[in-house]
Amino acid sequence: MTATDGGHARHRLDDVIHAPVRFSIVAALAKVENAEFAAVRDAVELGLRAVQAGRTA
């Protein structure tokens, strides 16, 4: 995938049968031992609003 494809591959997954954000986070973390939250957030193209919406508390 390249920058000219129109964004992160997650956007091409079917939300009904996949958890696109979860897949993206797992893929981003699979290659590293440690990662800062901001780096993962940016890698999977999550905005602050999406992150806040995921909070359960």
PDB file of N, CA and C in Angstrom:
ATOM      1  N   MET A   1       0.835  -1.186   0.000  1.00  0.00           N
ATOM      2  CA  MET A   1       0.000   0.000   0.000  1.00  0.00           C
ATOM      3  C   MET A   1       0.876   1.244   0.000  1.00  0.00           C
ATOM      4  N   THR A   2       0.466   2.191  -0.764  1.00  0.00           N
ATOM      5  CA  THR A   2       1.225   3.431  -0.841  1.00  0.00           C
ATOM      6  C   THR A   2       0.344   4.599  -0.437  1.00  0.00           C
ATOM      7  N   ALA A   3       0.963   5.732  -0.262  1.00  0.00           N
ATOM      8  CA  ALA A   3       0.227   6.935   0.132  1.00  0.00           C
ATOM      9  C   ALA A   3      -0.791   7.335  -0.928  1.00  0.00           C
ATOM     10  N   THR A   4      -0.573   6.940  -2.168  1.00  0.00           N
ATOM     11  CA  THR A   4      -1.499   7.319  -3.241  1.00  0.00           C
ATOM     12  C   THR A   4      -2.743   6.444  -3.264  1.00  0.00           C
ATOM     13  N   ASP A   5      -2.791   5.393  -2.460  1.00  0.00           N
ATOM     14  CA  ASP A   5      -3.947   4.501  -2.427  1.00  0.00           C
ATOM     15  C   ASP A   5      -5.149   5.113  -1.719  1.00  0.00           C
ATOM     16  N   GLY A   6      -4.985   6.216  -1.062  1.00  0.00           N
ATOM     17  CA  GLY A   6      -6.119   6.857  -0.417  1.00  0.00           C
ATOM     18  C   GLY A   6      -6.238   6.571   1.061  1.00  0.00           C
ATOM     19  N   GLY A   7      -5.168   6.215   1.711  1.00  0.00           N
ATOM     20  CA  GLY A   7      -5.229   6.049   3.157  1.00  0.00           C
ATOM     21  C   GLY A   7      -4.866   4.651   3.612  1.00  0.00           C
ATOM     22  N   HIS A   8      -5.136   4.428   4.858  1.00  0.00           N
ATOM     23  CA  HIS A   8      -4.782   3.191   5.536  1.00  0.00           C
ATOM     24  C   HIS A   8      -5.601   2.018   4.998  1.00  0.00           C
ATOM     25  N   ALA A   9      -5.011   0.850   4.911  1.00  0.00           N
ATOM     26  CA  ALA A   9      -5.700  -0.342   4.411  1.00  0.00           C
ATOM     27  C   ALA A   9      -6.925  -0.694   5.246  1.00  0.00           C
ATOM     28  N   ARG A  10      -6.943  -0.271   6.490  1.00  0.00           N
ATOM     29  CA  ARG A  10      -8.067  -0.534   7.383  1.00  0.00           C
ATOM     30  C   ARG A  10      -9.391  -0.074   6.779  1.00  0.00           C
ATOM     31  N   HIS A  11      -9.362   0.968   6.005  1.00  0.00           N
ATOM     32  CA  HIS A  11     -10.584   1.531   5.447  1.00  0.00           C
ATOM     33  C   HIS A  11     -11.221   0.620   4.394  1.00  0.00           C
ATOM     34  N   ARG A  12     -10.482  -0.399   3.937  1.00  0.00           N
ATOM     35  CA  ARG A  12     -11.030  -1.331   2.946  1.00  0.00           C
ATOM     36  C   ARG A  12     -11.595  -2.592   3.586  1.00  0.00           C
ATOM     37  N   LEU A  13     -11.513  -2.734   4.916  1.00  0.00           N
ATOM     38  CA  LEU A  13     -12.045  -3.910   5.603  1.00  0.00           C
ATOM     39  C   LEU A  13     -13.547  -3.762   5.834  1.00  0.00           C
ATOM     40  N   ASP A  14     -14.241  -4.876   5.865  1.00  0.00           N
ATOM     41  CA  ASP A  14     -15.676  -4.886   6.121  1.00  0.00           C
ATOM     42  C   ASP A  14     -15.907  -4.857   7.637  1.00  0.00           C
ATOM     43  N   ASP A  15     -16.528  -3.800   8.128  1.00  0.00           N
ATOM     44  CA  ASP A  15     -16.769  -3.645   9.563  1.00  0.00           C
ATOM     45  C   ASP A  15     -17.649  -4.751  10.139  1.00  0.00           C
ATOM     46  N   VAL A  16     -18.456  -5.370   9.319  1.00  0.00           N
ATOM     47  CA  VAL A  16     -19.374  -6.387   9.805  1.00  0.00           C
ATOM     48  C   VAL A  16     -18.630  -7.644  10.255  1.00  0.00           C
ATOM     49  N   ILE A  17     -17.578  -8.014   9.552  1.00  0.00           N
ATOM     50  CA  ILE A  17     -16.881  -9.261   9.888  1.00  0.00           C
ATOM     51  C   ILE A  17     -15.470  -9.053  10.420  1.00  0.00           C
ATOM     52  N   HIS A  18     -14.993  -7.842  10.439  1.00  0.00           N
ATOM     53  CA  HIS A  18     -13.645  -7.548  10.927  1.00  0.00           C
ATOM     54  C   HIS A  18     -13.702  -6.442  11.969  1.00  0.00           C
ATOM     55  N   ALA A  19     -12.707  -6.386  12.791  1.00  0.00           N
ATOM     56  CA  ALA A  19     -12.532  -5.261  13.709  1.00  0.00           C
ATOM     57  C   ALA A  19     -11.359  -4.454  13.158  1.00  0.00           C
ATOM     58  N   PRO A  20     -11.613  -3.546  12.214  1.00  0.00           N
ATOM     59  CA  PRO A  20     -10.541  -2.873  11.475  1.00  0.00           C
ATOM     60  C   PRO A  20      -9.507  -2.168  12.344  1.00  0.00           C
ATOM     61  N   VAL A  21      -9.944  -1.446  13.357  1.00  0.00           N
ATOM     62  CA  VAL A  21      -8.984  -0.725  14.196  1.00  0.00           C
ATOM     63  C   VAL A  21      -8.143  -1.719  14.987  1.00  0.00           C
ATOM     64  N   ARG A  22      -8.766  -2.750  15.520  1.00  0.00           N
ATOM     65  CA  ARG A  22      -8.018  -3.766  16.280  1.00  0.00           C
ATOM     66  C   ARG A  22      -6.988  -4.444  15.394  1.00  0.00           C
ATOM     67  N   PHE A  23      -7.365  -4.829  14.177  1.00  0.00           N
ATOM     68  CA  PHE A  23      -6.408  -5.435  13.253  1.00  0.00           C
ATOM     69  C   PHE A  23      -5.235  -4.504  12.990  1.00  0.00           C
ATOM     70  N   SER A  24      -5.524  -3.252  12.797  1.00  0.00           N
ATOM     71  CA  SER A  24      -4.478  -2.269  12.508  1.00  0.00           C
ATOM     72  C   SER A  24      -3.518  -2.111  13.679  1.00  0.00           C
ATOM     73  N   ILE A  25      -4.059  -2.077  14.891  1.00  0.00           N
ATOM     74  CA  ILE A  25      -3.213  -1.939  16.086  1.00  0.00           C
ATOM     75  C   ILE A  25      -2.343  -3.172  16.257  1.00  0.00           C
ATOM     76  N   VAL A  26      -2.926  -4.351  16.114  1.00  0.00           N
ATOM     77  CA  VAL A  26      -2.149  -5.588  16.236  1.00  0.00           C
ATOM     78  C   VAL A  26      -1.039  -5.636  15.192  1.00  0.00           C
ATOM     79  N   ALA A  27      -1.351  -5.242  13.973  1.00  0.00           N
ATOM     80  CA  ALA A  27      -0.334  -5.239  12.920  1.00  0.00           C
ATOM     81  C   ALA A  27       0.786  -4.255  13.235  1.00  0.00           C
ATOM     82  N   ALA A  28       0.426  -3.088  13.741  1.00  0.00           N
ATOM     83  CA  ALA A  28       1.444  -2.084  14.075  1.00  0.00           C
ATOM     84  C   ALA A  28       2.331  -2.558  15.220  1.00  0.00           C
ATOM     85  N   LEU A  29       1.759  -3.289  16.172  1.00  0.00           N
ATOM     86  CA  LEU A  29       2.527  -3.740  17.332  1.00  0.00           C
ATOM     87  C   LEU A  29       3.286  -5.043  17.082  1.00  0.00           C
ATOM     88  N   ALA A  30       2.925  -5.790  16.060  1.00  0.00           N
ATOM     89  CA  ALA A  30       3.544  -7.084  15.797  1.00  0.00           C
ATOM     90  C   ALA A  30       5.044  -6.982  15.521  1.00  0.00           C
ATOM     91  N   LYS A  31       5.472  -5.871  14.990  1.00  0.00           N
ATOM     92  CA  LYS A  31       6.864  -5.719  14.572  1.00  0.00           C
ATOM     93  C   LYS A  31       7.764  -5.110  15.639  1.00  0.00           C
ATOM     94  N   VAL A  32       7.185  -4.657  16.746  1.00  0.00           N
ATOM     95  CA  VAL A  32       7.980  -3.930  17.727  1.00  0.00           C
ATOM     96  C   VAL A  32       7.843  -4.543  19.110  1.00  0.00           C
ATOM     97  N   GLU A  33       8.811  -4.238  19.954  1.00  0.00           N
ATOM     98  CA  GLU A  33       8.765  -4.692  21.341  1.00  0.00           C
ATOM     99  C   GLU A  33       8.069  -3.663  22.225  1.00  0.00           C
ATOM    100  N   ASN A  34       8.260  -2.384  21.912  1.00  0.00           N
ATOM    101  CA  ASN A  34       7.649  -1.280  22.651  1.00  0.00           C
ATOM    102  C   ASN A  34       7.124  -0.259  21.646  1.00  0.00           C
ATOM    103  N   ALA A  35       6.070   0.434  22.061  1.00  0.00           N
ATOM    104  CA  ALA A  35       5.542   1.495  21.202  1.00  0.00           C
ATOM    105  C   ALA A  35       4.840   2.532  22.060  1.00  0.00           C
ATOM    106  N   GLU A  36       5.035   3.781  21.709  1.00  0.00           N
ATOM    107  CA  GLU A  36       4.323   4.851  22.393  1.00  0.00           C
ATOM    108  C   GLU A  36       2.918   4.954  21.804  1.00  0.00           C
ATOM    109  N   PHE A  37       1.966   5.293  22.644  1.00  0.00           N
ATOM    110  CA  PHE A  37       0.581   5.397  22.214  1.00  0.00           C
ATOM    111  C   PHE A  37       0.436   6.302  20.992  1.00  0.00           C
ATOM    112  N   ALA A  38       1.062   7.447  21.025  1.00  0.00           N
ATOM    113  CA  ALA A  38       0.924   8.408  19.919  1.00  0.00           C
ATOM    114  C   ALA A  38       1.426   7.823  18.605  1.00  0.00           C
ATOM    115  N   ALA A  39       2.486   7.045  18.649  1.00  0.00           N
ATOM    116  CA  ALA A  39       3.020   6.442  17.426  1.00  0.00           C
ATOM    117  C   ALA A  39       2.042   5.417  16.850  1.00  0.00           C
ATOM    118  N   VAL A  40       1.434   4.625  17.711  1.00  0.00           N
ATOM    119  CA  VAL A  40       0.453   3.638  17.250  1.00  0.00           C
ATOM    120  C   VAL A  40      -0.786   4.359  16.719  1.00  0.00           C
ATOM    121  N   ARG A  41      -1.251   5.346  17.456  1.00  0.00           N
ATOM    122  CA  ARG A  41      -2.423   6.135  17.029  1.00  0.00           C
ATOM    123  C   ARG A  41      -2.200   6.715  15.637  1.00  0.00           C
ATOM    124  N   ASP A  42      -1.030   7.288  15.418  1.00  0.00           N
ATOM    125  CA  ASP A  42      -0.729   7.888  14.123  1.00  0.00           C
ATOM    126  C   ASP A  42      -0.569   6.835  13.027  1.00  0.00           C
ATOM    127  N   ALA A  43       0.010   5.686  13.368  1.00  0.00           N
ATOM    128  CA  ALA A  43       0.228   4.629  12.385  1.00  0.00           C
ATOM    129  C   ALA A  43      -1.090   4.062  11.862  1.00  0.00           C
ATOM    130  N   VAL A  44      -2.107   4.015  12.712  1.00  0.00           N
ATOM    131  CA  VAL A  44      -3.393   3.460  12.281  1.00  0.00           C
ATOM    132  C   VAL A  44      -4.400   4.554  11.937  1.00  0.00           C
ATOM    133  N   GLU A  45      -3.914   5.772  11.861  1.00  0.00           N
ATOM    134  CA  GLU A  45      -4.709   6.927  11.427  1.00  0.00           C
ATOM    135  C   GLU A  45      -5.969   7.121  12.264  1.00  0.00           C
ATOM    136  N   LEU A  46      -5.800   7.119  13.578  1.00  0.00           N
ATOM    137  CA  LEU A  46      -6.916   7.400  14.478  1.00  0.00           C
ATOM    138  C   LEU A  46      -6.824   8.833  14.952  1.00  0.00           C
ATOM    139  N   GLY A  47      -7.909   9.531  14.873  1.00  0.00           N
ATOM    140  CA  GLY A  47      -7.965  10.885  15.388  1.00  0.00           C
ATOM    141  C   GLY A  47      -8.310  10.863  16.870  1.00  0.00           C
ATOM    142  N   LEU A  48      -8.170  11.980  17.530  1.00  0.00           N
ATOM    143  CA  LEU A  48      -8.458  12.086  18.955  1.00  0.00           C
ATOM    144  C   LEU A  48      -9.911  11.734  19.248  1.00  0.00           C
ATOM    145  N   ARG A  49     -10.821  12.136  18.403  1.00  0.00           N
ATOM    146  CA  ARG A  49     -12.246  11.844  18.625  1.00  0.00           C
ATOM    147  C   ARG A  49     -12.499  10.343  18.656  1.00  0.00           C
ATOM    148  N   ALA A  50     -11.862   9.579  17.762  1.00  0.00           N
ATOM    149  CA  ALA A  50     -12.020   8.138  17.731  1.00  0.00           C
ATOM    150  C   ALA A  50     -11.440   7.490  18.978  1.00  0.00           C
ATOM    151  N   VAL A  51     -10.321   8.009  19.442  1.00  0.00           N
ATOM    152  CA  VAL A  51      -9.687   7.480  20.647  1.00  0.00           C
ATOM    153  C   VAL A  51     -10.595   7.728  21.847  1.00  0.00           C
ATOM    154  N   GLN A  52     -11.137   8.929  21.963  1.00  0.00           N
ATOM    155  CA  GLN A  52     -12.010   9.254  23.069  1.00  0.00           C
ATOM    156  C   GLN A  52     -13.300   8.444  23.027  1.00  0.00           C
ATOM    157  N   ALA A  53     -13.814   8.158  21.868  1.00  0.00           N
ATOM    158  CA  ALA A  53     -15.026   7.374  21.731  1.00  0.00           C
ATOM    159  C   ALA A  53     -14.828   5.941  22.209  1.00  0.00           C
ATOM    160  N   GLY A  54     -13.595   5.460  22.160  1.00  0.00           N
ATOM    161  CA  GLY A  54     -13.288   4.104  22.586  1.00  0.00           C
ATOM    162  C   GLY A  54     -13.174   3.931  24.086  1.00  0.00           C
ATOM    163  N   ARG A  55     -13.182   5.022  24.830  1.00  0.00           N
ATOM    164  CA  ARG A  55     -13.082   4.953  26.290  1.00  0.00           C
ATOM    165  C   ARG A  55     -14.384   4.436  26.865  1.00  0.00           C
ATOM    166  N   THR A  56     -14.250   3.541  27.842  1.00  0.00           N
ATOM    167  CA  THR A  56     -15.451   2.980  28.461  1.00  0.00           C
ATOM    168  C   THR A  56     -15.703   3.558  29.845  1.00  0.00           C
ATOM    169  N   ALA A  57     -14.752   4.274  30.391  1.00  0.00           N
ATOM    170  CA  ALA A  57     -14.913   4.798  31.757  1.00  0.00           C
ATOM    171  C   ALA A  57     -15.486   6.186  31.740  1.00  0.00           C
TER     172      ALA A  57
END
